[in-house]
Amino acid sequence: MSELTTETAACGGDQRGLDGELEEKLLLHDDGGAAPPSAEYSAVAAMQQKRCRFPDQGADVGDYHERFVRAYDRLRDELLADDSCELTDEARRWLAQMIDYNVPGGKLNRGLSVIDSYLLLKQGSEVPEDEFFLACVLGWCVEWFQACALVLDDITDGSHTRRDQLCWFRRPEVGLRGINDGILLKCHIARLIKKYFREKTYYIDISELWNEVALQTSLGQMLDLISTHNGVDELARYNIEGYRRIVKYKTSYYSFYLPVACALLLSGAKLENFTELRDILIEMGIYFQAQDDYLDCFADPNTIGKIGTDIEDHKCSWLIVQALGHANINQIEVLLKNYGKKDSTSVSKVKSTYSTLDLKDMFSEFEDRAYKHLVTSIQAQHDRAVQEILKSFLKKIHRRKK
């Protein structure tokens, strides 16, 4: 599993290599001839652009981002003070350390996407402080879910680094205790949702949303692990249909659909009225995961914050699926003998085969096709807020480098 990352280039400020016509189509207020947006809506969109830069890039991101970050301490402290168990001081210290190590360490993009989407759905109208805080709660719930997924995923994959630091379970004092920590992170989400939303009319809807996405993500992880552990004899069975199925459930629902669905429910919308939005977000998630597979193999670990191990772990990745579909008999034999092996020689042979097959160019062509398809799908949406939400997601991920 991976993390959404936002770069200045992804905000439209420096996207060299983008097709000029497509870039023009994705300008915030290009609506194909529709009436211009209101001044209020333009203000929200302008704030959206401003938020594309994050503190580690030395940019002012606006008050609402700071308010989101500040909400973390309050929510963590509330969970530490939860009376569902008589915790010892030692247990509380462990819990605090575990939460601080795993939850806020990422780019916070999934959590902020809840707020981005909610503000766009409100279309510039003033948002009361209590409603904004509820958006922050849901945003942090998404970050808690991401942390849970990464903690457990790193254990099952035997990963070493995550977010430029040692994986939580790799710390000498943690080990396989990290399994229970991952479960605790998931349980925290239910506590926060119950505390802040049980009096809301949409409480059942939001509880069911979280339960459904958690199930979908776990089933996607199961599909991934089953394919991974089937070994060399099953490598030839990897195909694009199976890959899309894994990615759809393992990544797309929680990374792309969940933040927007939370914002929709918070704004009073019914999820059944936004099936097209969901489907586009799912496709965006598949595109995102293909990017992540590419970066796992070809990116500098210092850039992406982790050491890629998809080849060693026998992952059903976009790269191996494409390689098997285009390789000749000799190249397939090399892949069958070396894919999934832990030694550096085998990994080098797989990467050499990838290079011979020009997978870098193949991925670039795939990325252009995916981008064009998503642009067309976004333009077909009649709801202005839906268009802006989708544009903001696409700009964050297109041609990302980490």
Protein backbone atom coordinates (compact mmCIF):
# COMPACT_ATOMS: atom_id res chain seq x y z
CA MET A 1 0.00 0.00 0.00
CA SER A 2 1.16 3.49 -0.69
CA GLU A 3 0.55 7.12 0.14
CA LEU A 4 -0.90 9.92 -1.90
CA THR A 5 1.72 12.62 -2.37
CA THR A 6 1.26 16.19 -3.49
CA GLU A 7 3.99 18.14 -5.25
CA THR A 8 4.04 21.67 -6.58
CA ALA A 9 4.17 20.24 -10.07
CA ALA A 10 1.00 18.31 -9.42
CA CYS A 11 -0.83 21.55 -8.82
CA GLY A 12 -0.41 22.66 -12.39
CA GLY A 13 2.54 24.96 -11.72
CA ASP A 14 5.27 22.93 -13.42
CA GLN A 15 3.86 19.92 -15.24
CA ARG A 16 6.43 19.66 -18.01
CA GLY A 17 5.55 16.90 -20.43
CA LEU A 18 1.81 17.32 -20.03
CA ASP A 19 -0.05 17.56 -23.27
CA GLY A 20 -0.94 21.25 -23.61
CA GLU A 21 -4.52 20.67 -24.67
CA LEU A 22 -5.25 18.32 -21.77
CA GLU A 23 -3.61 20.65 -19.29
CA GLU A 24 -5.82 23.45 -20.56
CA LYS A 25 -8.91 21.28 -20.13
CA LEU A 26 -8.08 20.72 -16.47
CA LEU A 27 -7.86 24.40 -15.52
CA LEU A 28 -10.07 24.93 -12.50
CA HIS A 29 -12.77 27.00 -14.14
CA ASP A 30 -12.81 25.54 -17.64
CA ASP A 31 -16.31 24.13 -17.95
CA GLY A 32 -16.74 23.85 -21.69
CA GLY A 33 -18.86 26.95 -22.10
CA ALA A 34 -20.95 26.85 -18.95
CA ALA A 35 -21.68 30.02 -17.03
CA PRO A 36 -18.72 31.30 -14.98
CA PRO A 37 -18.64 30.26 -11.32
CA SER A 38 -19.74 32.59 -8.59
CA ALA A 39 -17.24 34.78 -6.74
CA GLU A 40 -17.75 32.65 -3.62
CA TYR A 41 -17.00 29.46 -5.50
CA SER A 42 -13.94 31.02 -7.10
CA ALA A 43 -12.61 31.87 -3.65
CA VAL A 44 -12.89 28.26 -2.58
CA ALA A 45 -11.19 27.08 -5.77
CA ALA A 46 -8.40 29.60 -5.26
CA MET A 47 -7.91 28.27 -1.74
CA GLN A 48 -7.81 24.77 -3.24
CA GLN A 49 -4.89 25.79 -5.46
CA LYS A 50 -3.09 27.41 -2.55
CA ARG A 51 -3.32 24.20 -0.54
CA CYS A 52 -1.41 22.22 -3.15
CA ARG A 53 1.85 23.14 -1.38
CA PHE A 54 2.64 21.62 1.97
CA PRO A 55 4.73 22.80 4.96
CA ASP A 56 7.75 20.67 4.05
CA GLN A 57 7.94 22.71 0.84
CA GLY A 58 8.11 25.96 2.81
CA ALA A 59 4.79 27.32 1.60
CA ASP A 60 1.85 28.94 3.35
CA VAL A 61 -1.05 26.52 3.00
CA GLY A 62 -3.76 28.50 4.72
CA ASP A 63 -5.47 28.48 8.06
CA TYR A 64 -7.70 25.48 7.45
CA HIS A 65 -4.75 23.14 6.98
CA GLU A 66 -3.28 24.31 10.27
CA ARG A 67 -6.63 23.75 11.97
CA PHE A 68 -6.70 20.21 10.61
CA VAL A 69 -3.22 19.50 11.97
CA ARG A 70 -4.09 20.97 15.37
CA ALA A 71 -7.11 18.66 15.64
CA TYR A 72 -4.77 15.67 15.82
CA ASP A 73 -3.56 16.35 19.36
CA ARG A 74 -7.10 16.67 20.65
CA LEU A 75 -8.24 13.41 19.07
CA ARG A 76 -5.17 11.49 20.20
CA ASP A 77 -5.53 12.75 23.77
CA GLU A 78 -9.20 11.79 23.80
CA LEU A 79 -8.32 8.26 22.73
CA LEU A 80 -5.62 8.03 25.41
CA ALA A 81 -8.18 9.10 28.01
CA ASP A 82 -10.84 6.66 26.76
CA ASP A 83 -12.37 4.79 29.69
CA SER A 84 -13.15 1.56 27.83
CA CYS A 85 -10.08 0.01 29.50
CA GLU A 86 -8.21 0.72 32.73
CA LEU A 87 -4.85 1.43 31.14
CA THR A 88 -1.65 1.60 33.16
CA ASP A 89 0.72 4.54 32.73
CA GLU A 90 3.07 2.25 30.82
CA ALA A 91 0.28 1.19 28.45
CA ARG A 92 -0.71 4.80 27.85
CA ARG A 93 2.88 5.73 27.01
CA TRP A 94 3.07 2.83 24.55
CA LEU A 95 -0.22 3.81 22.94
CA ALA A 96 0.82 7.46 22.63
CA GLN A 97 4.17 6.51 21.11
CA MET A 98 2.54 4.07 18.69
CA ILE A 99 -0.05 6.59 17.50
CA ASP A 100 2.48 9.40 17.09
CA TYR A 101 4.86 7.13 15.19
CA ASN A 102 2.30 5.84 12.71
CA VAL A 103 -0.59 8.24 12.23
CA PRO A 104 0.70 11.75 11.47
CA GLY A 105 3.91 10.78 9.66
CA GLY A 106 2.57 10.88 6.10
CA LYS A 107 1.63 13.73 3.79
CA LEU A 108 -1.92 13.84 5.24
CA ASN A 109 -3.37 14.00 1.74
CA ARG A 110 -6.14 11.49 2.30
CA GLY A 111 -7.31 13.31 5.40
CA LEU A 112 -7.10 16.71 3.78
CA SER A 113 -9.04 15.34 0.81
CA VAL A 114 -12.06 15.00 3.09
CA ILE A 115 -11.88 18.71 3.87
CA ASP A 116 -11.08 19.68 0.27
CA SER A 117 -14.11 17.76 -0.96
CA TYR A 118 -16.38 19.05 1.78
CA LEU A 119 -15.53 22.69 1.11
CA LEU A 120 -16.09 22.22 -2.61
CA LEU A 121 -19.45 20.61 -1.94
CA LYS A 122 -20.39 23.59 0.23
CA GLN A 123 -19.54 25.80 -2.79
CA GLY A 124 -18.09 28.69 -0.86
CA SER A 125 -20.79 29.03 1.79
CA GLU A 126 -19.61 29.73 5.31
CA VAL A 127 -18.89 26.56 7.27
CA PRO A 128 -19.63 26.68 11.02
CA GLU A 129 -16.71 25.81 13.26
CA ASP A 130 -18.36 22.67 14.63
CA GLU A 131 -19.03 21.35 11.12
CA PHE A 132 -15.46 22.05 10.08
CA PHE A 133 -14.20 20.15 13.11
CA LEU A 134 -16.35 17.17 12.13
CA ALA A 135 -14.67 17.25 8.72
CA CYS A 136 -11.33 17.22 10.56
CA VAL A 137 -12.44 14.21 12.60
CA LEU A 138 -13.34 12.29 9.45
CA GLY A 139 -10.09 13.38 7.84
CA TRP A 140 -8.11 12.03 10.76
CA CYS A 141 -10.15 8.83 10.72
CA VAL A 142 -8.95 8.33 7.15
CA GLU A 143 -5.37 8.91 8.33
CA TRP A 144 -5.89 6.42 11.18
CA PHE A 145 -7.15 3.89 8.65
CA GLN A 146 -4.12 4.49 6.45
CA ALA A 147 -1.84 3.99 9.44
CA CYS A 148 -3.58 0.72 10.34
CA ALA A 149 -3.28 -0.52 6.76
CA LEU A 150 0.41 0.35 6.52
CA VAL A 151 1.35 -1.16 9.89
CA LEU A 152 -0.27 -4.48 9.03
CA ASP A 153 0.79 -4.41 5.38
CA ASP A 154 4.43 -3.87 6.32
CA ILE A 155 4.30 -6.91 8.58
CA THR A 156 2.76 -9.20 5.95
CA ASP A 157 5.22 -7.96 3.31
CA GLY A 158 8.25 -8.04 5.62
CA SER A 159 9.04 -4.44 4.66
CA HIS A 160 11.91 -2.50 6.20
CA THR A 161 11.21 1.22 5.77
CA ARG A 162 8.13 3.39 5.56
CA ARG A 163 7.82 7.17 5.44
CA ASP A 164 11.60 7.60 5.65
CA GLN A 165 11.82 5.66 8.89
CA LEU A 166 12.00 2.08 10.13
CA CYS A 167 8.71 0.20 9.87
CA TRP A 168 6.96 0.15 13.24
CA PHE A 169 7.25 -3.63 13.67
CA ARG A 170 10.99 -3.43 12.86
CA ARG A 171 11.64 -1.44 16.01
CA PRO A 172 13.30 -3.84 18.49
CA GLU A 173 10.74 -3.17 21.21
CA VAL A 174 7.77 -3.82 18.88
CA GLY A 175 8.15 -6.88 16.65
CA LEU A 176 4.93 -8.82 16.14
CA ARG A 177 3.24 -6.76 18.85
CA GLY A 178 2.67 -4.46 15.90
CA ILE A 179 -0.20 -6.71 14.78
CA ASN A 180 -2.21 -5.74 17.84
CA ASP A 181 -1.21 -2.11 17.37
CA GLY A 182 -2.62 -2.18 13.85
CA ILE A 183 -5.89 -3.59 15.17
CA LEU A 184 -5.99 -0.87 17.85
CA LEU A 185 -5.63 1.83 15.20
CA LYS A 186 -8.65 0.42 13.38
CA CYS A 187 -10.67 0.26 16.62
CA HIS A 188 -9.90 3.91 17.29
CA ILE A 189 -11.83 4.89 14.16
CA ALA A 190 -15.02 3.31 15.48
CA ARG A 191 -14.57 5.15 18.80
CA LEU A 192 -14.14 8.52 17.11
CA ILE A 193 -17.10 8.04 14.79
CA LYS A 194 -19.33 6.96 17.66
CA LYS A 195 -18.23 9.89 19.83
CA TYR A 196 -18.80 12.59 17.23
CA PHE A 197 -21.52 11.25 14.93
CA ARG A 198 -23.90 9.02 16.87
CA GLU A 199 -26.42 11.87 17.20
CA LYS A 200 -26.29 12.67 13.49
CA THR A 201 -29.02 11.54 11.11
CA TYR A 202 -26.36 9.95 8.87
CA TYR A 203 -24.66 7.99 11.66
CA ILE A 204 -25.82 4.61 10.32
CA ASP A 205 -24.77 5.59 6.78
CA ILE A 206 -21.30 6.67 7.84
CA SER A 207 -20.82 3.61 10.07
CA GLU A 208 -21.85 1.32 7.23
CA LEU A 209 -19.53 3.16 4.83
CA TRP A 210 -16.53 2.59 7.10
CA ASN A 211 -17.43 -1.06 7.71
CA GLU A 212 -17.87 -1.70 4.00
CA VAL A 213 -14.62 -0.02 2.98
CA ALA A 214 -12.72 -1.83 5.75
CA LEU A 215 -14.09 -5.14 4.47
CA GLN A 216 -13.28 -4.28 0.84
CA THR A 217 -9.74 -3.27 1.75
CA SER A 218 -9.16 -6.44 3.78
CA LEU A 219 -10.52 -8.60 0.97
CA GLY A 220 -8.29 -6.78 -1.50
CA GLN A 221 -5.33 -7.47 0.76
CA MET A 222 -6.35 -11.12 0.88
CA LEU A 223 -6.50 -11.28 -2.93
CA ASP A 224 -3.04 -9.72 -3.06
CA LEU A 225 -1.56 -12.12 -0.51
CA ILE A 226 -3.11 -15.19 -2.15
CA SER A 227 -1.59 -14.28 -5.50
CA THR A 228 1.71 -13.41 -3.85
CA HIS A 229 2.05 -16.68 -1.97
CA ASN A 230 1.00 -18.94 -4.83
CA GLY A 231 4.61 -18.84 -6.00
CA VAL A 232 6.38 -19.32 -9.30
CA ASP A 233 3.98 -21.94 -10.63
CA GLU A 234 1.20 -19.35 -10.60
CA LEU A 235 3.20 -16.46 -12.09
CA ALA A 236 1.92 -17.11 -15.60
CA ARG A 237 -1.64 -16.63 -14.32
CA TYR A 238 -1.03 -12.97 -13.52
CA ASN A 239 -3.16 -10.85 -15.85
CA ILE A 240 -4.58 -7.37 -16.03
CA GLU A 241 -8.07 -8.45 -14.94
CA GLY A 242 -6.73 -10.02 -11.76
CA TYR A 243 -4.48 -7.04 -11.15
CA ARG A 244 -7.36 -4.57 -11.48
CA ARG A 245 -9.47 -6.63 -9.09
CA ILE A 246 -6.75 -6.62 -6.42
CA VAL A 247 -6.05 -2.91 -6.76
CA LYS A 248 -9.70 -1.88 -6.87
CA TYR A 249 -10.39 -3.36 -3.47
CA LYS A 250 -6.97 -3.04 -1.81
CA THR A 251 -6.30 0.58 -2.73
CA SER A 252 -9.02 2.44 -4.63
CA TYR A 253 -11.88 2.31 -2.18
CA TYR A 254 -10.07 3.54 0.91
CA SER A 255 -7.60 5.88 -0.78
CA PHE A 256 -9.89 7.63 -3.25
CA TYR A 257 -13.55 6.88 -2.63
CA LEU A 258 -13.64 6.92 1.18
CA PRO A 259 -12.50 10.57 1.68
CA VAL A 260 -15.04 11.85 -0.84
CA ALA A 261 -17.84 9.63 0.48
CA CYS A 262 -17.21 11.00 3.99
CA ALA A 263 -17.48 14.55 2.65
CA LEU A 264 -20.69 13.71 0.81
CA LEU A 265 -22.37 12.31 3.92
CA LEU A 266 -21.19 15.25 6.01
CA SER A 267 -22.74 17.64 3.47
CA GLY A 268 -26.08 15.82 3.63
CA ALA A 269 -25.83 13.95 0.31
CA LYS A 270 -26.88 10.37 -0.38
CA LEU A 271 -24.11 8.14 -1.66
CA GLU A 272 -26.42 6.27 -4.02
CA ASN A 273 -26.75 9.49 -6.05
CA PHE A 274 -23.02 9.59 -6.78
CA THR A 275 -22.22 6.21 -8.33
CA GLU A 276 -20.49 7.79 -11.35
CA LEU A 277 -18.25 9.79 -9.03
CA ARG A 278 -17.38 6.59 -7.17
CA ASP A 279 -16.55 4.74 -10.39
CA ILE A 280 -14.22 7.50 -11.60
CA LEU A 281 -12.45 7.57 -8.25
CA ILE A 282 -12.00 3.80 -8.43
CA GLU A 283 -10.38 4.14 -11.85
CA MET A 284 -8.17 6.89 -10.48
CA GLY A 285 -7.10 4.56 -7.70
CA ILE A 286 -6.11 1.86 -10.17
CA TYR A 287 -4.07 4.41 -12.10
CA PHE A 288 -2.47 5.52 -8.82
CA GLN A 289 -1.50 1.97 -7.84
CA ALA A 290 0.07 1.33 -11.25
CA GLN A 291 2.17 4.44 -10.62
CA ASP A 292 3.15 3.06 -7.23
CA ASP A 293 4.20 -0.26 -8.78
CA TYR A 294 6.35 1.59 -11.29
CA LEU A 295 7.98 3.72 -8.58
CA ASP A 296 8.58 0.64 -6.41
CA CYS A 297 10.89 -0.68 -9.13
CA PHE A 298 12.40 2.40 -10.76
CA ALA A 299 12.31 5.26 -8.23
CA ASP A 300 15.09 6.20 -5.81
CA PRO A 301 14.21 4.84 -2.33
CA ASN A 302 15.37 8.16 -0.87
CA THR A 303 12.72 9.89 -2.95
CA ILE A 304 9.75 7.62 -2.22
CA GLY A 305 10.67 7.01 1.44
CA LYS A 306 10.78 3.22 1.27
CA ILE A 307 12.73 0.38 -0.32
CA GLY A 308 10.72 -1.26 -3.08
CA THR A 309 10.34 -5.03 -2.72
CA ASP A 310 7.58 -5.99 -5.18
CA ILE A 311 9.90 -8.21 -7.21
CA GLU A 312 11.27 -10.03 -4.16
CA ASP A 313 7.75 -10.38 -2.71
CA HIS A 314 6.32 -11.94 -5.89
CA LYS A 315 3.71 -9.18 -6.12
CA CYS A 316 1.10 -9.13 -8.83
CA SER A 317 2.22 -5.68 -9.95
CA TRP A 318 1.46 -3.68 -13.09
CA LEU A 319 5.02 -4.24 -14.30
CA ILE A 320 5.05 -8.04 -14.12
CA VAL A 321 1.62 -8.24 -15.73
CA GLN A 322 2.79 -6.12 -18.65
CA ALA A 323 6.09 -7.99 -18.90
CA LEU A 324 4.36 -11.36 -19.12
CA GLY A 325 2.03 -10.01 -21.78
CA HIS A 326 4.86 -8.77 -24.03
CA ALA A 327 7.80 -11.10 -23.34
CA ASN A 328 9.06 -13.81 -25.69
CA ILE A 329 9.60 -17.40 -24.58
CA ASN A 330 13.17 -16.81 -23.39
CA GLN A 331 12.25 -13.68 -21.45
CA ILE A 332 9.30 -15.45 -19.80
CA GLU A 333 11.67 -18.21 -18.72
CA VAL A 334 13.97 -15.64 -17.09
CA LEU A 335 10.99 -14.12 -15.25
CA LEU A 336 9.72 -17.51 -14.10
CA LYS A 337 13.14 -18.44 -12.70
CA ASN A 338 13.91 -15.16 -10.97
CA TYR A 339 10.70 -13.37 -9.98
CA GLY A 340 9.98 -13.68 -6.28
CA LYS A 341 13.58 -14.50 -5.33
CA LYS A 342 15.19 -12.51 -2.53
CA ASP A 343 18.75 -12.41 -3.89
CA SER A 344 20.02 -9.32 -5.68
CA THR A 345 21.13 -11.27 -8.77
CA SER A 346 17.60 -12.50 -9.45
CA VAL A 347 16.17 -9.03 -8.89
CA SER A 348 18.70 -7.59 -11.34
CA LYS A 349 17.73 -10.15 -13.98
CA VAL A 350 14.06 -9.25 -13.64
CA LYS A 351 14.83 -5.53 -13.87
CA SER A 352 17.07 -6.15 -16.88
CA THR A 353 14.17 -7.94 -18.59
CA TYR A 354 11.91 -5.01 -17.75
CA SER A 355 14.41 -2.68 -19.41
CA THR A 356 14.70 -4.86 -22.51
CA LEU A 357 10.91 -4.79 -22.84
CA ASP A 358 10.94 -0.97 -22.56
CA LEU A 359 8.52 -1.01 -19.64
CA LYS A 360 9.39 2.59 -18.81
CA ASP A 361 8.09 3.74 -22.19
CA MET A 362 5.15 1.37 -21.92
CA PHE A 363 4.21 2.88 -18.58
CA SER A 364 4.49 6.41 -19.96
CA GLU A 365 2.05 5.50 -22.73
CA PHE A 366 -0.29 3.88 -20.22
CA GLU A 367 -0.18 6.97 -18.04
CA ASP A 368 -1.10 9.21 -20.98
CA ARG A 369 -4.04 6.96 -21.89
CA ALA A 370 -5.27 6.79 -18.30
CA TYR A 371 -5.01 10.56 -17.95
CA LYS A 372 -6.94 11.24 -21.15
CA HIS A 373 -9.67 8.79 -20.15
CA LEU A 374 -10.02 10.38 -16.71
CA VAL A 375 -10.13 13.89 -18.19
CA THR A 376 -12.94 12.81 -20.51
CA SER A 377 -14.85 11.20 -17.62
CA ILE A 378 -14.45 14.31 -15.48
CA GLN A 379 -15.67 16.62 -18.23
CA ALA A 380 -18.79 14.47 -18.62
CA GLN A 381 -19.88 15.26 -15.04
CA HIS A 382 -22.60 17.91 -14.86
CA ASP A 383 -22.18 18.76 -11.17
CA ARG A 384 -19.60 21.54 -10.78
CA ALA A 385 -18.48 20.45 -7.31
CA VAL A 386 -18.02 16.87 -8.50
CA GLN A 387 -15.85 18.10 -11.35
CA GLU A 388 -13.69 20.15 -9.02
CA ILE A 389 -13.25 17.27 -6.57
CA LEU A 390 -12.14 14.95 -9.34
CA LYS A 391 -9.82 17.55 -10.83
CA SER A 392 -8.14 18.10 -7.49
CA PHE A 393 -7.45 14.37 -7.10
CA LEU A 394 -6.13 14.00 -10.64
CA LYS A 395 -3.82 16.98 -10.32
CA LYS A 396 -2.34 15.54 -7.14
CA ILE A 397 -1.34 12.24 -8.70
CA HIS A 398 -0.61 12.87 -12.38
CA ARG A 399 3.03 12.13 -13.19
CA ARG A 400 3.91 12.00 -9.50
CA LYS A 401 7.49 11.14 -8.60
CA LYS A 402 6.94 9.68 -5.15
